[in-house]
PDB file of all heavy atoms in Angstrom:
ATOM      1  N   VAL A   1       0.845  -1.193   0.000  1.00  0.00           N
ATOM      2  CA  VAL A   1       0.000   0.000   0.000  1.00  0.00           C
ATOM      3  C   VAL A   1       0.878   1.239   0.000  1.00  0.00           C
ATOM      4  O   VAL A   1       2.090   1.169   0.203  1.00  0.00           O
ATOM      5  CB  VAL A   1      -0.967   0.034   1.217  1.00  0.00           C
ATOM      6  CG1 VAL A   1      -2.002  -1.050   1.084  1.00  0.00           C
ATOM      7  CG2 VAL A   1      -0.213  -0.076   2.527  1.00  0.00           C
ATOM      8  N   ASP A   2       0.255   2.386  -0.207  1.00  0.00           N
ATOM      9  CA  ASP A   2       1.005   3.630  -0.338  1.00  0.00           C
ATOM     10  C   ASP A   2       0.808   4.540   0.864  1.00  0.00           C
ATOM     11  O   ASP A   2      -0.081   4.334   1.699  1.00  0.00           O
ATOM     12  CB  ASP A   2       0.602   4.365  -1.624  1.00  0.00           C
ATOM     13  CG  ASP A   2      -0.889   4.715  -1.637  1.00  0.00           C
ATOM     14  OD1 ASP A   2      -1.267   5.776  -1.110  1.00  0.00           O
ATOM     15  OD2 ASP A   2      -1.664   3.896  -2.165  1.00  0.00           O
ATOM     16  N   ALA A   3       1.623   5.560   0.929  1.00  0.00           N
ATOM     17  CA  ALA A   3       1.642   6.481   2.065  1.00  0.00           C
ATOM     18  C   ALA A   3       0.354   7.277   2.187  1.00  0.00           C
ATOM     19  O   ALA A   3      -0.101   7.578   3.289  1.00  0.00           O
ATOM     20  CB  ALA A   3       2.837   7.428   1.943  1.00  0.00           C
ATOM     21  N   GLU A   4      -0.261   7.661   1.066  1.00  0.00           N
ATOM     22  CA  GLU A   4      -1.493   8.447   1.118  1.00  0.00           C
ATOM     23  C   GLU A   4      -2.583   7.672   1.853  1.00  0.00           C
ATOM     24  O   GLU A   4      -3.319   8.242   2.674  1.00  0.00           O
ATOM     25  CB  GLU A   4      -1.968   8.811  -0.276  1.00  0.00           C
ATOM     26  CG  GLU A   4      -3.222   9.690  -0.257  1.00  0.00           C
ATOM     27  CD  GLU A   4      -3.763   9.994  -1.642  1.00  0.00           C
ATOM     28  OE1 GLU A   4      -3.464   9.217  -2.583  1.00  0.00           O
ATOM     29  OE2 GLU A   4      -4.490  11.007  -1.790  1.00  0.00           O
ATOM     30  N   LEU A   5      -2.700   6.367   1.559  1.00  0.00           N
ATOM     31  CA  LEU A   5      -3.711   5.540   2.206  1.00  0.00           C
ATOM     32  C   LEU A   5      -3.425   5.436   3.709  1.00  0.00           C
ATOM     33  O   LEU A   5      -4.334   5.607   4.527  1.00  0.00           O
ATOM     34  CB  LEU A   5      -3.725   4.148   1.566  1.00  0.00           C
ATOM     35  CG  LEU A   5      -5.001   3.314   1.722  1.00  0.00           C
ATOM     36  CD1 LEU A   5      -6.197   4.013   1.119  1.00  0.00           C
ATOM     37  CD2 LEU A   5      -4.814   1.943   1.079  1.00  0.00           C
ATOM     38  N   CYS A   6      -2.177   5.185   4.077  1.00  0.00           N
ATOM     39  CA  CYS A   6      -1.819   5.065   5.492  1.00  0.00           C
ATOM     40  C   CYS A   6      -2.064   6.372   6.241  1.00  0.00           C
ATOM     41  O   CYS A   6      -2.640   6.384   7.337  1.00  0.00           O
ATOM     42  CB  CYS A   6      -0.351   4.654   5.635  1.00  0.00           C
ATOM     43  SG  CYS A   6       0.025   2.990   5.020  1.00  0.00           S
ATOM     44  N   ALA A   7      -1.623   7.472   5.660  1.00  0.00           N
ATOM     45  CA  ALA A   7      -1.774   8.772   6.316  1.00  0.00           C
ATOM     46  C   ALA A   7      -3.246   9.138   6.479  1.00  0.00           C
ATOM     47  O   ALA A   7      -3.662   9.658   7.524  1.00  0.00           O
ATOM     48  CB  ALA A   7      -1.044   9.847   5.516  1.00  0.00           C
ATOM     49  N   THR A   8      -4.042   8.875   5.449  1.00  0.00           N
ATOM     50  CA  THR A   8      -5.473   9.174   5.507  1.00  0.00           C
ATOM     51  C   THR A   8      -6.146   8.397   6.635  1.00  0.00           C
ATOM     52  O   THR A   8      -6.960   8.941   7.382  1.00  0.00           O
ATOM     53  CB  THR A   8      -6.138   8.836   4.165  1.00  0.00           C
ATOM     54  OG1 THR A   8      -5.564   9.659   3.139  1.00  0.00           O
ATOM     55  CG2 THR A   8      -7.644   9.065   4.224  1.00  0.00           C
ATOM     56  N   ASP A   9      -5.790   7.131   6.761  1.00  0.00           N
ATOM     57  CA  ASP A   9      -6.415   6.293   7.785  1.00  0.00           C
ATOM     58  C   ASP A   9      -5.957   6.663   9.191  1.00  0.00           C
ATOM     59  O   ASP A   9      -6.734   6.579  10.143  1.00  0.00           O
ATOM     60  CB  ASP A   9      -6.132   4.817   7.496  1.00  0.00           C
ATOM     61  CG  ASP A   9      -6.908   4.317   6.274  1.00  0.00           C
ATOM     62  OD1 ASP A   9      -7.896   4.980   5.886  1.00  0.00           O
ATOM     63  OD2 ASP A   9      -6.527   3.283   5.703  1.00  0.00           O
ATOM     64  N   LEU A  10      -4.733   7.078   9.344  1.00  0.00           N
ATOM     65  CA  LEU A  10      -4.243   7.507  10.653  1.00  0.00           C
ATOM     66  C   LEU A  10      -4.919   8.806  11.091  1.00  0.00           C
ATOM     67  O   LEU A  10      -5.414   8.922  12.211  1.00  0.00           O
ATOM     68  CB  LEU A  10      -2.724   7.675  10.624  1.00  0.00           C
ATOM     69  CG  LEU A  10      -1.912   6.376  10.510  1.00  0.00           C
ATOM     70  CD1 LEU A  10      -0.465   6.673  10.124  1.00  0.00           C
ATOM     71  CD2 LEU A  10      -1.956   5.583  11.806  1.00  0.00           C
ATOM     72  N   LEU A  11      -4.958   9.789  10.194  1.00  0.00           N
ATOM     73  CA  LEU A  11      -5.556  11.074  10.546  1.00  0.00           C
ATOM     74  C   LEU A  11      -7.075  10.981  10.668  1.00  0.00           C
ATOM     75  O   LEU A  11      -7.690  11.752  11.415  1.00  0.00           O
ATOM     76  CB  LEU A  11      -5.179  12.133   9.506  1.00  0.00           C
ATOM     77  CG  LEU A  11      -3.700  12.517   9.464  1.00  0.00           C
ATOM     78  CD1 LEU A  11      -3.462  13.564   8.378  1.00  0.00           C
ATOM     79  CD2 LEU A  11      -3.230  13.043  10.815  1.00  0.00           C
ATOM     80  N   GLY A  12      -7.678  10.030   9.948  1.00  0.00           N
ATOM     81  CA  GLY A  12      -9.120   9.855  10.031  1.00  0.00           C
ATOM     82  C   GLY A  12      -9.599   9.541  11.433  1.00  0.00           C
ATOM     83  O   GLY A  12     -10.729   9.870  11.810  1.00  0.00           O
ATOM     84  N   GLN A  13      -8.754   8.918  12.232  1.00  0.00           N
ATOM     85  CA  GLN A  13      -9.101   8.639  13.625  1.00  0.00           C
ATOM     86  C   GLN A  13      -8.488   9.644  14.587  1.00  0.00           C
ATOM     87  O   GLN A  13      -9.044   9.905  15.663  1.00  0.00           O
ATOM     88  CB  GLN A  13      -8.658   7.223  13.993  1.00  0.00           C
ATOM     89  CG  GLN A  13      -9.380   6.128  13.202  1.00  0.00           C
ATOM     90  CD  GLN A  13     -10.881   6.161  13.398  1.00  0.00           C
ATOM     91  OE1 GLN A  13     -11.377   6.056  14.521  1.00  0.00           O
ATOM     92  NE2 GLN A  13     -11.635   6.320  12.319  1.00  0.00           N
ATOM     93  N   ALA A  14      -7.375  10.242  14.218  1.00  0.00           N
ATOM     94  CA  ALA A  14      -6.743  11.249  15.075  1.00  0.00           C
ATOM     95  C   ALA A  14      -7.627  12.469  15.260  1.00  0.00           C
ATOM     96  O   ALA A  14      -7.492  13.197  16.250  1.00  0.00           O
ATOM     97  CB  ALA A  14      -5.389  11.665  14.492  1.00  0.00           C
ATOM     98  N   GLU A  15      -8.571  12.703  14.329  1.00  0.00           N
ATOM     99  CA  GLU A  15      -9.435  13.870  14.449  1.00  0.00           C
ATOM    100  C   GLU A  15     -10.475  13.733  15.551  1.00  0.00           C
ATOM    101  O   GLU A  15     -11.166  14.701  15.887  1.00  0.00           O
ATOM    102  CB  GLU A  15     -10.131  14.155  13.114  1.00  0.00           C
ATOM    103  CG  GLU A  15     -11.263  13.198  12.772  1.00  0.00           C
ATOM    104  CD  GLU A  15     -11.972  13.549  11.476  1.00  0.00           C
ATOM    105  OE1 GLU A  15     -11.581  14.504  10.811  1.00  0.00           O
ATOM    106  OE2 GLU A  15     -12.924  12.816  11.086  1.00  0.00           O
ATOM    107  N   HIS A  16     -10.602  12.539  16.151  1.00  0.00           N
ATOM    108  CA  HIS A  16     -11.567  12.331  17.220  1.00  0.00           C
ATOM    109  C   HIS A  16     -11.363  13.292  18.384  1.00  0.00           C
ATOM    110  O   HIS A  16     -12.315  13.804  18.958  1.00  0.00           O
ATOM    111  CB  HIS A  16     -11.478  10.892  17.746  1.00  0.00           C
ATOM    112  CG  HIS A  16     -12.537   9.996  17.186  1.00  0.00           C
ATOM    113  ND1 HIS A  16     -13.841  10.042  17.594  1.00  0.00           N
ATOM    114  CD2 HIS A  16     -12.468   9.017  16.263  1.00  0.00           C
ATOM    115  CE1 HIS A  16     -14.541   9.131  16.932  1.00  0.00           C
ATOM    116  NE2 HIS A  16     -13.747   8.502  16.119  1.00  0.00           N
ATOM    117  N   GLY A  17     -10.109  13.475  18.762  1.00  0.00           N
ATOM    118  CA  GLY A  17      -9.826  14.320  19.920  1.00  0.00           C
ATOM    119  C   GLY A  17      -8.345  14.586  20.051  1.00  0.00           C
ATOM    120  O   GLY A  17      -7.530  14.048  19.300  1.00  0.00           O
ATOM    121  N   TYR A  18      -7.992  15.421  21.024  1.00  0.00           N
ATOM    122  CA  TYR A  18      -6.589  15.792  21.196  1.00  0.00           C
ATOM    123  C   TYR A  18      -5.742  14.686  21.807  1.00  0.00           C
ATOM    124  O   TYR A  18      -4.520  14.812  21.898  1.00  0.00           O
ATOM    125  CB  TYR A  18      -6.492  17.049  22.077  1.00  0.00           C
ATOM    126  CG  TYR A  18      -7.213  18.245  21.519  1.00  0.00           C
ATOM    127  CD1 TYR A  18      -8.295  18.795  22.184  1.00  0.00           C
ATOM    128  CD2 TYR A  18      -6.811  18.812  20.320  1.00  0.00           C
ATOM    129  CE1 TYR A  18      -8.963  19.903  21.667  1.00  0.00           C
ATOM    130  CE2 TYR A  18      -7.475  19.918  19.792  1.00  0.00           C
ATOM    131  CZ  TYR A  18      -8.551  20.449  20.468  1.00  0.00           C
ATOM    132  OH  TYR A  18      -9.209  21.541  19.948  1.00  0.00           O
ATOM    133  N   ASP A  19      -6.403  13.606  22.245  1.00  0.00           N
ATOM    134  CA  ASP A  19      -5.683  12.529  22.918  1.00  0.00           C
ATOM    135  C   ASP A  19      -5.962  11.182  22.277  1.00  0.00           C
ATOM    136  O   ASP A  19      -6.142  10.176  22.953  1.00  0.00           O
ATOM    137  CB  ASP A  19      -6.064  12.485  24.403  1.00  0.00           C
ATOM    138  CG  ASP A  19      -7.571  12.422  24.628  1.00  0.00           C
ATOM    139  OD1 ASP A  19      -8.334  12.463  23.633  1.00  0.00           O
ATOM    140  OD2 ASP A  19      -7.983  12.332  25.804  1.00  0.00           O
ATOM    141  N   SER A  20      -6.010  11.155  20.943  1.00  0.00           N
ATOM    142  CA  SER A  20      -6.335   9.933  20.207  1.00  0.00           C
ATOM    143  C   SER A  20      -5.081   9.355  19.557  1.00  0.00           C
ATOM    144  O   SER A  20      -4.660   9.831  18.491  1.00  0.00           O
ATOM    145  CB  SER A  20      -7.394  10.212  19.137  1.00  0.00           C
ATOM    146  OG  SER A  20      -8.601  10.676  19.727  1.00  0.00           O
ATOM    147  N   PRO A  21      -4.465   8.330  20.147  1.00  0.00           N
ATOM    148  CA  PRO A  21      -3.242   7.762  19.576  1.00  0.00           C
ATOM    149  C   PRO A  21      -3.467   7.157  18.185  1.00  0.00           C
ATOM    150  O   PRO A  21      -4.455   6.467  17.947  1.00  0.00           O
ATOM    151  CB  PRO A  21      -2.859   6.664  20.577  1.00  0.00           C
ATOM    152  CG  PRO A  21      -3.547   7.035  21.845  1.00  0.00           C
ATOM    153  CD  PRO A  21      -4.834   7.683  21.423  1.00  0.00           C
ATOM    154  N   ALA A  22      -2.541   7.424  17.285  1.00  0.00           N
ATOM    155  CA  ALA A  22      -2.543   6.830  15.947  1.00  0.00           C
ATOM    156  C   ALA A  22      -1.133   6.305  15.683  1.00  0.00           C
ATOM    157  O   ALA A  22      -0.152   7.037  15.811  1.00  0.00           O
ATOM    158  CB  ALA A  22      -2.942   7.862  14.893  1.00  0.00           C
ATOM    159  N   VAL A  23      -1.025   5.036  15.308  1.00  0.00           N
ATOM    160  CA  VAL A  23       0.270   4.364  15.227  1.00  0.00           C
ATOM    161  C   VAL A  23       0.404   3.644  13.891  1.00  0.00           C
ATOM    162  O   VAL A  23      -0.497   2.902  13.489  1.00  0.00           O
ATOM    163  CB  VAL A  23       0.429   3.333  16.372  1.00  0.00           C
ATOM    164  CG1 VAL A  23       1.791   2.645  16.282  1.00  0.00           C
ATOM    165  CG2 VAL A  23       0.251   4.005  17.731  1.00  0.00           C
ATOM    166  N   LEU A  24       1.510   3.851  13.228  1.00  0.00           N
ATOM    167  CA  LEU A  24       1.868   3.081  12.038  1.00  0.00           C
ATOM    168  C   LEU A  24       2.933   2.065  12.412  1.00  0.00           C
ATOM    169  O   LEU A  24       3.962   2.413  12.975  1.00  0.00           O
ATOM    170  CB  LEU A  24       2.398   3.994  10.929  1.00  0.00           C
ATOM    171  CG  LEU A  24       2.972   3.274   9.689  1.00  0.00           C
ATOM    172  CD1 LEU A  24       1.887   2.511   8.930  1.00  0.00           C
ATOM    173  CD2 LEU A  24       3.677   4.263   8.751  1.00  0.00           C
ATOM    174  N   VAL A  25       2.665   0.792  12.101  1.00  0.00           N
ATOM    175  CA  VAL A  25       3.639  -0.283  12.278  1.00  0.00           C
ATOM    176  C   VAL A  25       3.961  -0.842  10.899  1.00  0.00           C
ATOM    177  O   VAL A  25       3.074  -1.311  10.189  1.00  0.00           O
ATOM    178  CB  VAL A  25       3.095  -1.401  13.196  1.00  0.00           C
ATOM    179  CG1 VAL A  25       4.128  -2.515  13.346  1.00  0.00           C
ATOM    180  CG2 VAL A  25       2.716  -0.840  14.564  1.00  0.00           C
ATOM    181  N   THR A  26       5.215  -0.792  10.516  1.00  0.00           N
ATOM    182  CA  THR A  26       5.590  -1.213   9.176  1.00  0.00           C
ATOM    183  C   THR A  26       6.977  -1.825   9.151  1.00  0.00           C
ATOM    184  O   THR A  26       7.783  -1.597  10.057  1.00  0.00           O
ATOM    185  CB  THR A  26       5.526  -0.026   8.193  1.00  0.00           C
ATOM    186  OG1 THR A  26       5.820  -0.478   6.864  1.00  0.00           O
ATOM    187  CG2 THR A  26       6.511   1.076   8.598  1.00  0.00           C
ATOM    188  N   ASN A  27       7.254  -2.602   8.116  1.00  0.00           N
ATOM    189  CA  ASN A  27       8.597  -3.144   7.886  1.00  0.00           C
ATOM    190  C   ASN A  27       9.275  -2.446   6.713  1.00  0.00           C
ATOM    191  O   ASN A  27      10.303  -2.919   6.216  1.00  0.00           O
ATOM    192  CB  ASN A  27       8.540  -4.660   7.655  1.00  0.00           C
ATOM    193  CG  ASN A  27       7.639  -5.048   6.484  1.00  0.00           C
ATOM    194  OD1 ASN A  27       7.005  -4.200   5.851  1.00  0.00           O
ATOM    195  ND2 ASN A  27       7.585  -6.339   6.188  1.00  0.00           N
ATOM    196  N   SER A  28       8.701  -1.330   6.304  1.00  0.00           N
ATOM    197  CA  SER A  28       9.244  -0.590   5.168  1.00  0.00           C
ATOM    198  C   SER A  28       9.651   0.815   5.606  1.00  0.00           C
ATOM    199  O   SER A  28       8.799   1.639   5.941  1.00  0.00           O
ATOM    200  CB  SER A  28       8.201  -0.494   4.042  1.00  0.00           C
ATOM    201  OG  SER A  28       8.596   0.455   3.074  1.00  0.00           O
ATOM    202  N   GLN A  29      10.943   1.092   5.561  1.00  0.00           N
ATOM    203  CA  GLN A  29      11.399   2.436   5.910  1.00  0.00           C
ATOM    204  C   GLN A  29      10.879   3.452   4.903  1.00  0.00           C
ATOM    205  O   GLN A  29      10.521   4.579   5.275  1.00  0.00           O
ATOM    206  CB  GLN A  29      12.926   2.494   5.978  1.00  0.00           C
ATOM    207  CG  GLN A  29      13.448   3.877   6.379  1.00  0.00           C
ATOM    208  CD  GLN A  29      14.747   3.860   7.131  1.00  0.00           C
ATOM    209  OE1 GLN A  29      15.292   2.806   7.457  1.00  0.00           O
ATOM    210  NE2 GLN A  29      15.257   5.047   7.457  1.00  0.00           N
ATOM    211  N   LYS A  30      10.829   3.050   3.645  1.00  0.00           N
ATOM    212  CA  LYS A  30      10.322   3.934   2.602  1.00  0.00           C
ATOM    213  C   LYS A  30       8.880   4.346   2.905  1.00  0.00           C
ATOM    214  O   LYS A  30       8.537   5.535   2.870  1.00  0.00           O
ATOM    215  CB  LYS A  30      10.403   3.239   1.240  1.00  0.00           C
ATOM    216  CG  LYS A  30       9.856   4.048   0.063  1.00  0.00           C
ATOM    217  CD  LYS A  30      10.110   3.292  -1.255  1.00  0.00           C
ATOM    218  CE  LYS A  30       9.581   4.055  -2.467  1.00  0.00           C
ATOM    219  NZ  LYS A  30       8.118   4.089  -2.512  1.00  0.00           N
ATOM    220  N   LEU A  31       8.028   3.379   3.229  1.00  0.00           N
ATOM    221  CA  LEU A  31       6.627   3.681   3.532  1.00  0.00           C
ATOM    222  C   LEU A  31       6.514   4.543   4.791  1.00  0.00           C
ATOM    223  O   LEU A  31       5.707   5.471   4.849  1.00  0.00           O
ATOM    224  CB  LEU A  31       5.824   2.393   3.707  1.00  0.00           C
ATOM    225  CG  LEU A  31       4.338   2.574   4.037  1.00  0.00           C
ATOM    226  CD1 LEU A  31       3.603   3.237   2.881  1.00  0.00           C
ATOM    227  CD2 LEU A  31       3.696   1.221   4.373  1.00  0.00           C
ATOM    228  N   ALA A  32       7.335   4.253   5.776  1.00  0.00           N
ATOM    229  CA  ALA A  32       7.305   5.018   7.025  1.00  0.00           C
ATOM    230  C   ALA A  32       7.633   6.479   6.773  1.00  0.00           C
ATOM    231  O   ALA A  32       6.908   7.385   7.232  1.00  0.00           O
ATOM    232  CB  ALA A  32       8.281   4.421   8.028  1.00  0.00           C
ATOM    233  N   GLU A  33       8.701   6.733   6.050  1.00  0.00           N
ATOM    234  CA  GLU A  33       9.126   8.106   5.796  1.00  0.00           C
ATOM    235  C   GLU A  33       8.123   8.841   4.907  1.00  0.00           C
ATOM    236  O   GLU A  33       7.811  10.013   5.135  1.00  0.00           O
ATOM    237  CB  GLU A  33      10.522   8.109   5.175  1.00  0.00           C
ATOM    238  CG  GLU A  33      11.607   7.634   6.156  1.00  0.00           C
ATOM    239  CD  GLU A  33      12.959   7.470   5.507  1.00  0.00           C
ATOM    240  OE1 GLU A  33      13.032   7.550   4.249  1.00  0.00           O
ATOM    241  OE2 GLU A  33      13.967   7.271   6.235  1.00  0.00           O
TER     242      GLU A  33
END
């Protein structure tokens, strides 16, 4: 998968509140960056 999809899904839940943890776990440094 690509970074746009990961970022969209992380922020989609982070908007819930100021204390909503969002975590990416990956084995790809390229995707992480």
